[in-house]
């Protein structure tokens, strides 16, 4: 796993890149958040959807809710990059819509959109 920092002014965004699943359970998400915060003093993360277990996108597992609640509680902003059009679940589409209208978690199509969104939060 590679972590690079994109900094604009005081805003630091950690970009997580990997060829593997980085988040498969709640503890993985907490460990990632803690590592990025401790090593890079960044409270904003970008991760590709391919680095998150598919169970995350099945809301019945409650994995997404548990992980995102932890990130909100610790005031860590998260952008998940990918194509979400392939999901047919109305509840997931509603969940993504609600997240994108909030201030903590965003589902976007490109890394550039993620950077623009997260840097714009300051």
N, C-alpha and C. Protein backbone atom coordinates (compact mmCIF):
# COMPACT_ATOMS: atom_id res chain seq x y z
N UNK A 1 0.85 -1.18 0.00
CA UNK A 1 0.00 0.00 0.00
C UNK A 1 0.89 1.24 0.00
N UNK A 2 0.54 2.19 -0.85
CA UNK A 2 1.24 3.46 -0.91
C UNK A 2 0.33 4.57 -0.42
N UNK A 3 0.88 5.48 0.34
CA UNK A 3 0.15 6.66 0.80
C UNK A 3 0.92 7.88 0.34
N UNK A 4 0.26 8.72 -0.46
CA UNK A 4 0.87 9.99 -0.86
C UNK A 4 0.00 11.11 -0.32
N UNK A 5 0.62 12.24 -0.06
CA UNK A 5 -0.09 13.39 0.50
C UNK A 5 -0.19 14.47 -0.56
N UNK A 6 -1.39 14.95 -0.77
CA UNK A 6 -1.63 16.10 -1.63
C UNK A 6 -1.97 17.26 -0.69
N UNK A 7 -1.12 18.28 -0.70
CA UNK A 7 -1.34 19.40 0.21
C UNK A 7 -1.60 20.67 -0.56
N UNK A 8 -2.65 21.38 -0.16
CA UNK A 8 -2.98 22.70 -0.68
C UNK A 8 -3.19 23.60 0.52
N UNK A 9 -2.25 24.51 0.75
CA UNK A 9 -2.32 25.35 1.95
C UNK A 9 -2.19 24.47 3.17
N UNK A 10 -3.13 24.59 4.09
CA UNK A 10 -3.13 23.76 5.30
C UNK A 10 -3.87 22.45 5.12
N UNK A 11 -4.49 22.26 3.97
CA UNK A 11 -5.30 21.07 3.72
C UNK A 11 -4.43 19.93 3.20
N UNK A 12 -4.44 18.81 3.95
CA UNK A 12 -3.69 17.62 3.56
C UNK A 12 -4.67 16.50 3.26
N UNK A 13 -4.50 15.88 2.09
CA UNK A 13 -5.32 14.74 1.72
C UNK A 13 -4.40 13.56 1.47
N UNK A 14 -4.67 12.47 2.16
CA UNK A 14 -3.90 11.24 1.96
C UNK A 14 -4.56 10.42 0.86
N UNK A 15 -3.78 10.07 -0.14
CA UNK A 15 -4.27 9.26 -1.25
C UNK A 15 -3.73 7.84 -1.04
N UNK A 16 -4.66 6.91 -0.85
CA UNK A 16 -4.32 5.52 -0.60
C UNK A 16 -4.35 4.77 -1.92
N UNK A 17 -3.26 4.09 -2.25
CA UNK A 17 -3.20 3.31 -3.48
C UNK A 17 -2.67 1.92 -3.18
N UNK A 18 -3.35 0.92 -3.72
CA UNK A 18 -2.94 -0.45 -3.50
C UNK A 18 -3.51 -1.34 -4.59
N UNK A 19 -2.87 -2.47 -4.81
CA UNK A 19 -3.40 -3.47 -5.74
C UNK A 19 -4.26 -4.49 -5.01
N UNK A 20 -4.42 -4.30 -3.72
CA UNK A 20 -5.15 -5.26 -2.89
C UNK A 20 -6.29 -4.59 -2.14
N UNK A 21 -7.10 -5.42 -1.50
CA UNK A 21 -8.14 -4.91 -0.60
C UNK A 21 -7.44 -4.33 0.63
N UNK A 22 -7.74 -3.09 0.94
CA UNK A 22 -7.15 -2.42 2.10
C UNK A 22 -8.13 -2.46 3.27
N UNK A 23 -9.43 -2.35 2.96
CA UNK A 23 -10.45 -2.36 4.01
C UNK A 23 -11.39 -3.54 3.77
N UNK A 24 -11.31 -4.51 4.67
CA UNK A 24 -12.22 -5.65 4.58
C UNK A 24 -13.09 -5.77 5.83
N UNK A 25 -12.73 -5.02 6.87
CA UNK A 25 -13.51 -5.01 8.11
C UNK A 25 -13.29 -3.68 8.83
N UNK A 26 -14.06 -3.45 9.87
CA UNK A 26 -14.01 -2.18 10.59
C UNK A 26 -12.60 -1.89 11.12
N UNK A 27 -11.94 -2.90 11.66
CA UNK A 27 -10.61 -2.67 12.23
C UNK A 27 -9.61 -2.20 11.16
N UNK A 28 -9.74 -2.70 9.94
CA UNK A 28 -8.86 -2.25 8.85
C UNK A 28 -9.05 -0.75 8.61
N UNK A 29 -10.30 -0.31 8.62
CA UNK A 29 -10.59 1.10 8.39
C UNK A 29 -10.04 1.96 9.52
N UNK A 30 -10.16 1.48 10.75
CA UNK A 30 -9.61 2.21 11.90
C UNK A 30 -8.10 2.27 11.84
N UNK A 31 -7.47 1.15 11.50
CA UNK A 31 -6.01 1.11 11.40
C UNK A 31 -5.51 2.07 10.32
N UNK A 32 -6.20 2.09 9.19
CA UNK A 32 -5.82 3.00 8.10
C UNK A 32 -5.94 4.45 8.55
N UNK A 33 -7.06 4.77 9.17
CA UNK A 33 -7.28 6.13 9.66
C UNK A 33 -6.19 6.53 10.65
N UNK A 34 -5.89 5.66 11.58
CA UNK A 34 -4.88 5.96 12.61
C UNK A 34 -3.49 6.11 11.99
N UNK A 35 -3.15 5.23 11.07
CA UNK A 35 -1.84 5.31 10.42
C UNK A 35 -1.66 6.60 9.65
N UNK A 36 -2.65 6.95 8.88
CA UNK A 36 -2.58 8.17 8.07
C UNK A 36 -2.48 9.39 8.98
N UNK A 37 -3.26 9.38 10.04
CA UNK A 37 -3.25 10.50 10.96
C UNK A 37 -1.91 10.60 11.68
N UNK A 38 -1.41 9.48 12.18
CA UNK A 38 -0.18 9.49 12.95
C UNK A 38 1.05 9.80 12.08
N UNK A 39 1.14 9.16 10.93
CA UNK A 39 2.32 9.32 10.09
C UNK A 39 2.31 10.59 9.25
N UNK A 40 1.13 11.07 8.89
CA UNK A 40 1.04 12.19 7.94
C UNK A 40 0.23 13.38 8.44
N UNK A 41 -0.35 13.26 9.63
CA UNK A 41 -1.20 14.31 10.19
C UNK A 41 -2.27 14.75 9.20
N UNK A 42 -2.87 13.76 8.53
CA UNK A 42 -3.93 14.05 7.57
C UNK A 42 -5.26 13.50 8.10
N UNK A 43 -6.29 14.29 7.93
CA UNK A 43 -7.63 13.90 8.38
C UNK A 43 -8.59 13.73 7.21
N UNK A 44 -8.04 13.66 6.01
CA UNK A 44 -8.83 13.47 4.80
C UNK A 44 -8.17 12.36 3.99
N UNK A 45 -8.99 11.39 3.56
CA UNK A 45 -8.46 10.24 2.85
C UNK A 45 -9.21 10.03 1.55
N UNK A 46 -8.47 9.56 0.55
CA UNK A 46 -9.05 9.12 -0.71
C UNK A 46 -8.67 7.66 -0.89
N UNK A 47 -9.66 6.84 -1.21
CA UNK A 47 -9.39 5.43 -1.48
C UNK A 47 -10.26 4.98 -2.65
N UNK A 48 -9.73 4.12 -3.47
CA UNK A 48 -10.48 3.60 -4.60
C UNK A 48 -11.42 2.50 -4.12
N UNK A 49 -12.58 2.42 -4.72
CA UNK A 49 -13.55 1.41 -4.30
C UNK A 49 -13.02 0.00 -4.46
N UNK A 50 -12.07 -0.20 -5.38
CA UNK A 50 -11.48 -1.53 -5.58
C UNK A 50 -10.64 -1.97 -4.38
N UNK A 51 -10.32 -1.04 -3.50
CA UNK A 51 -9.53 -1.35 -2.30
C UNK A 51 -10.41 -1.61 -1.08
N UNK A 52 -11.72 -1.64 -1.32
CA UNK A 52 -12.68 -1.88 -0.24
C UNK A 52 -13.47 -3.14 -0.59
N UNK A 53 -13.65 -4.02 0.39
CA UNK A 53 -14.39 -5.25 0.16
C UNK A 53 -15.79 -4.95 -0.40
N UNK A 54 -16.26 -5.82 -1.27
CA UNK A 54 -17.60 -5.65 -1.86
C UNK A 54 -18.69 -5.67 -0.80
N UNK A 55 -18.45 -6.34 0.32
CA UNK A 55 -19.44 -6.39 1.40
C UNK A 55 -19.80 -4.99 1.89
N UNK A 56 -18.87 -4.07 1.77
CA UNK A 56 -19.11 -2.68 2.17
C UNK A 56 -20.30 -2.10 1.42
N UNK A 57 -20.44 -2.47 0.15
CA UNK A 57 -21.47 -1.90 -0.71
C UNK A 57 -22.80 -2.65 -0.63
N UNK A 58 -22.85 -3.70 0.18
CA UNK A 58 -24.09 -4.41 0.48
C UNK A 58 -24.54 -3.91 1.85
N UNK A 59 -25.44 -2.96 1.87
CA UNK A 59 -25.79 -2.28 3.13
C UNK A 59 -26.36 -3.22 4.18
N UNK A 60 -26.87 -4.38 3.77
CA UNK A 60 -27.39 -5.34 4.74
C UNK A 60 -26.31 -5.85 5.69
N UNK A 61 -25.06 -5.81 5.26
CA UNK A 61 -23.97 -6.27 6.14
C UNK A 61 -23.67 -5.26 7.25
N UNK A 62 -24.13 -4.03 7.07
CA UNK A 62 -23.91 -2.93 8.02
C UNK A 62 -22.46 -2.49 8.13
N UNK A 63 -21.60 -3.05 7.27
CA UNK A 63 -20.18 -2.70 7.32
C UNK A 63 -19.95 -1.24 6.97
N UNK A 64 -20.61 -0.76 5.93
CA UNK A 64 -20.45 0.65 5.52
C UNK A 64 -20.87 1.58 6.66
N UNK A 65 -21.99 1.31 7.25
CA UNK A 65 -22.47 2.15 8.34
C UNK A 65 -21.52 2.18 9.52
N UNK A 66 -21.00 1.03 9.88
CA UNK A 66 -20.07 0.95 11.02
C UNK A 66 -18.78 1.72 10.73
N UNK A 67 -18.24 1.51 9.53
CA UNK A 67 -16.98 2.17 9.18
C UNK A 67 -17.18 3.68 9.08
N UNK A 68 -18.20 4.09 8.36
CA UNK A 68 -18.39 5.52 8.14
C UNK A 68 -18.74 6.24 9.43
N UNK A 69 -19.43 5.57 10.35
CA UNK A 69 -19.73 6.18 11.65
C UNK A 69 -18.44 6.44 12.43
N UNK A 70 -17.50 5.51 12.36
CA UNK A 70 -16.20 5.72 13.02
C UNK A 70 -15.48 6.93 12.43
N UNK A 71 -15.48 7.03 11.10
CA UNK A 71 -14.81 8.16 10.45
C UNK A 71 -15.47 9.49 10.84
N UNK A 72 -16.78 9.51 10.89
CA UNK A 72 -17.49 10.73 11.29
C UNK A 72 -17.17 11.05 12.75
N UNK A 73 -17.19 10.05 13.62
CA UNK A 73 -16.90 10.27 15.04
C UNK A 73 -15.51 10.88 15.25
N UNK A 74 -14.53 10.44 14.46
CA UNK A 74 -13.17 10.95 14.58
C UNK A 74 -12.91 12.15 13.67
N UNK A 75 -13.96 12.62 13.03
CA UNK A 75 -13.91 13.80 12.15
C UNK A 75 -12.91 13.64 11.02
N UNK A 76 -12.85 12.43 10.47
CA UNK A 76 -12.01 12.15 9.32
C UNK A 76 -12.91 12.14 8.08
N UNK A 77 -12.49 12.88 7.08
CA UNK A 77 -13.25 12.97 5.83
C UNK A 77 -12.76 11.87 4.88
N UNK A 78 -13.68 11.30 4.12
CA UNK A 78 -13.34 10.19 3.25
C UNK A 78 -14.00 10.36 1.89
N UNK A 79 -13.21 10.16 0.84
CA UNK A 79 -13.75 10.11 -0.52
C UNK A 79 -13.43 8.74 -1.10
N UNK A 80 -14.46 8.08 -1.58
CA UNK A 80 -14.31 6.78 -2.22
C UNK A 80 -14.48 7.00 -3.72
N UNK A 81 -13.46 6.60 -4.48
CA UNK A 81 -13.42 6.87 -5.92
C UNK A 81 -13.78 5.61 -6.69
N UNK A 82 -14.69 5.77 -7.65
CA UNK A 82 -15.03 4.63 -8.49
C UNK A 82 -16.31 4.85 -9.25
N UNK A 83 -16.71 3.83 -9.99
CA UNK A 83 -17.96 3.86 -10.74
C UNK A 83 -18.99 3.09 -9.94
N UNK A 84 -20.00 3.80 -9.47
CA UNK A 84 -21.02 3.20 -8.63
C UNK A 84 -22.32 2.94 -9.40
N UNK A 85 -22.31 3.23 -10.69
CA UNK A 85 -23.51 3.06 -11.51
C UNK A 85 -23.91 1.60 -11.67
N UNK A 86 -22.97 0.68 -11.49
CA UNK A 86 -23.25 -0.74 -11.67
C UNK A 86 -24.07 -1.35 -10.55
N UNK A 87 -24.26 -0.63 -9.47
CA UNK A 87 -25.05 -1.15 -8.36
C UNK A 87 -26.53 -0.83 -8.59
N UNK A 88 -27.36 -1.86 -8.43
CA UNK A 88 -28.79 -1.68 -8.69
C UNK A 88 -29.59 -1.41 -7.42
N UNK A 89 -28.97 -1.54 -6.27
CA UNK A 89 -29.67 -1.37 -4.99
C UNK A 89 -30.12 0.08 -4.80
N UNK A 90 -31.44 0.26 -4.66
CA UNK A 90 -31.97 1.60 -4.42
C UNK A 90 -31.47 2.15 -3.09
N UNK A 91 -31.38 1.29 -2.09
CA UNK A 91 -30.92 1.77 -0.78
C UNK A 91 -29.47 2.24 -0.85
N UNK A 92 -28.62 1.56 -1.62
CA UNK A 92 -27.24 2.00 -1.77
C UNK A 92 -27.18 3.33 -2.52
N UNK A 93 -27.99 3.45 -3.57
CA UNK A 93 -28.01 4.72 -4.32
C UNK A 93 -28.47 5.86 -3.43
N UNK A 94 -29.47 5.61 -2.59
CA UNK A 94 -29.94 6.63 -1.64
C UNK A 94 -28.86 6.96 -0.62
N UNK A 95 -28.15 5.94 -0.16
CA UNK A 95 -27.05 6.11 0.80
C UNK A 95 -25.95 6.99 0.20
N UNK A 96 -25.57 6.69 -1.03
CA UNK A 96 -24.54 7.47 -1.72
C UNK A 96 -25.01 8.92 -1.90
N UNK A 97 -26.26 9.09 -2.28
CA UNK A 97 -26.81 10.44 -2.46
C UNK A 97 -26.73 11.22 -1.16
N UNK A 98 -27.16 10.60 -0.06
CA UNK A 98 -27.14 11.28 1.24
C UNK A 98 -25.70 11.62 1.66
N UNK A 99 -24.79 10.68 1.47
CA UNK A 99 -23.40 10.94 1.82
C UNK A 99 -22.85 12.12 1.03
N UNK A 100 -23.12 12.14 -0.26
CA UNK A 100 -22.60 13.20 -1.12
C UNK A 100 -23.19 14.57 -0.80
N UNK A 101 -24.30 14.60 -0.08
CA UNK A 101 -24.88 15.87 0.33
C UNK A 101 -24.50 16.24 1.76
N UNK A 102 -23.62 15.45 2.35
CA UNK A 102 -23.13 15.73 3.69
C UNK A 102 -21.77 16.41 3.66
N UNK A 103 -21.03 16.25 4.75
CA UNK A 103 -19.73 16.92 4.87
C UNK A 103 -18.61 15.99 5.28
N UNK A 104 -18.86 14.67 5.25
CA UNK A 104 -17.85 13.74 5.76
C UNK A 104 -17.42 12.68 4.77
N UNK A 105 -18.37 12.12 4.03
CA UNK A 105 -18.09 10.98 3.15
C UNK A 105 -18.63 11.29 1.76
N UNK A 106 -17.81 10.99 0.76
CA UNK A 106 -18.19 11.31 -0.62
C UNK A 106 -17.87 10.13 -1.52
N UNK A 107 -18.77 9.86 -2.44
CA UNK A 107 -18.58 8.84 -3.46
C UNK A 107 -18.46 9.59 -4.78
N UNK A 108 -17.27 9.55 -5.37
CA UNK A 108 -16.99 10.33 -6.58
C UNK A 108 -16.39 9.44 -7.66
N UNK A 109 -16.37 9.96 -8.89
CA UNK A 109 -15.90 9.16 -10.02
C UNK A 109 -14.39 9.22 -10.23
N UNK A 110 -13.75 10.34 -9.87
CA UNK A 110 -12.32 10.49 -10.16
C UNK A 110 -11.55 10.98 -8.94
N UNK A 111 -10.26 10.72 -8.97
CA UNK A 111 -9.38 11.21 -7.91
C UNK A 111 -9.36 12.74 -7.90
N UNK A 112 -9.39 13.35 -9.08
CA UNK A 112 -9.39 14.81 -9.18
C UNK A 112 -10.63 15.40 -8.50
N UNK A 113 -11.78 14.77 -8.73
CA UNK A 113 -13.02 15.23 -8.08
C UNK A 113 -12.92 15.05 -6.58
N UNK A 114 -12.32 13.96 -6.13
CA UNK A 114 -12.14 13.71 -4.70
C UNK A 114 -11.25 14.78 -4.07
N UNK A 115 -10.13 15.10 -4.73
CA UNK A 115 -9.24 16.13 -4.21
C UNK A 115 -9.93 17.48 -4.14
N UNK A 116 -10.65 17.84 -5.18
CA UNK A 116 -11.37 19.11 -5.22
C UNK A 116 -12.39 19.18 -4.07
N UNK A 117 -13.12 18.09 -3.87
CA UNK A 117 -14.15 18.05 -2.82
C UNK A 117 -13.52 18.14 -1.43
N UNK A 118 -12.50 17.32 -1.17
CA UNK A 118 -11.91 17.30 0.17
C UNK A 118 -11.14 18.57 0.49
N UNK A 119 -10.39 19.10 -0.46
CA UNK A 119 -9.68 20.35 -0.20
C UNK A 119 -10.66 21.50 -0.02
N UNK A 120 -11.82 21.41 -0.63
CA UNK A 120 -12.82 22.48 -0.52
C UNK A 120 -13.52 22.52 0.82
N UNK A 121 -13.28 21.55 1.69
CA UNK A 121 -13.94 21.49 2.98
C UNK A 121 -13.35 22.43 4.02
N UNK A 122 -12.17 22.95 3.76
CA UNK A 122 -11.52 23.85 4.74
C UNK A 122 -12.09 25.25 4.68
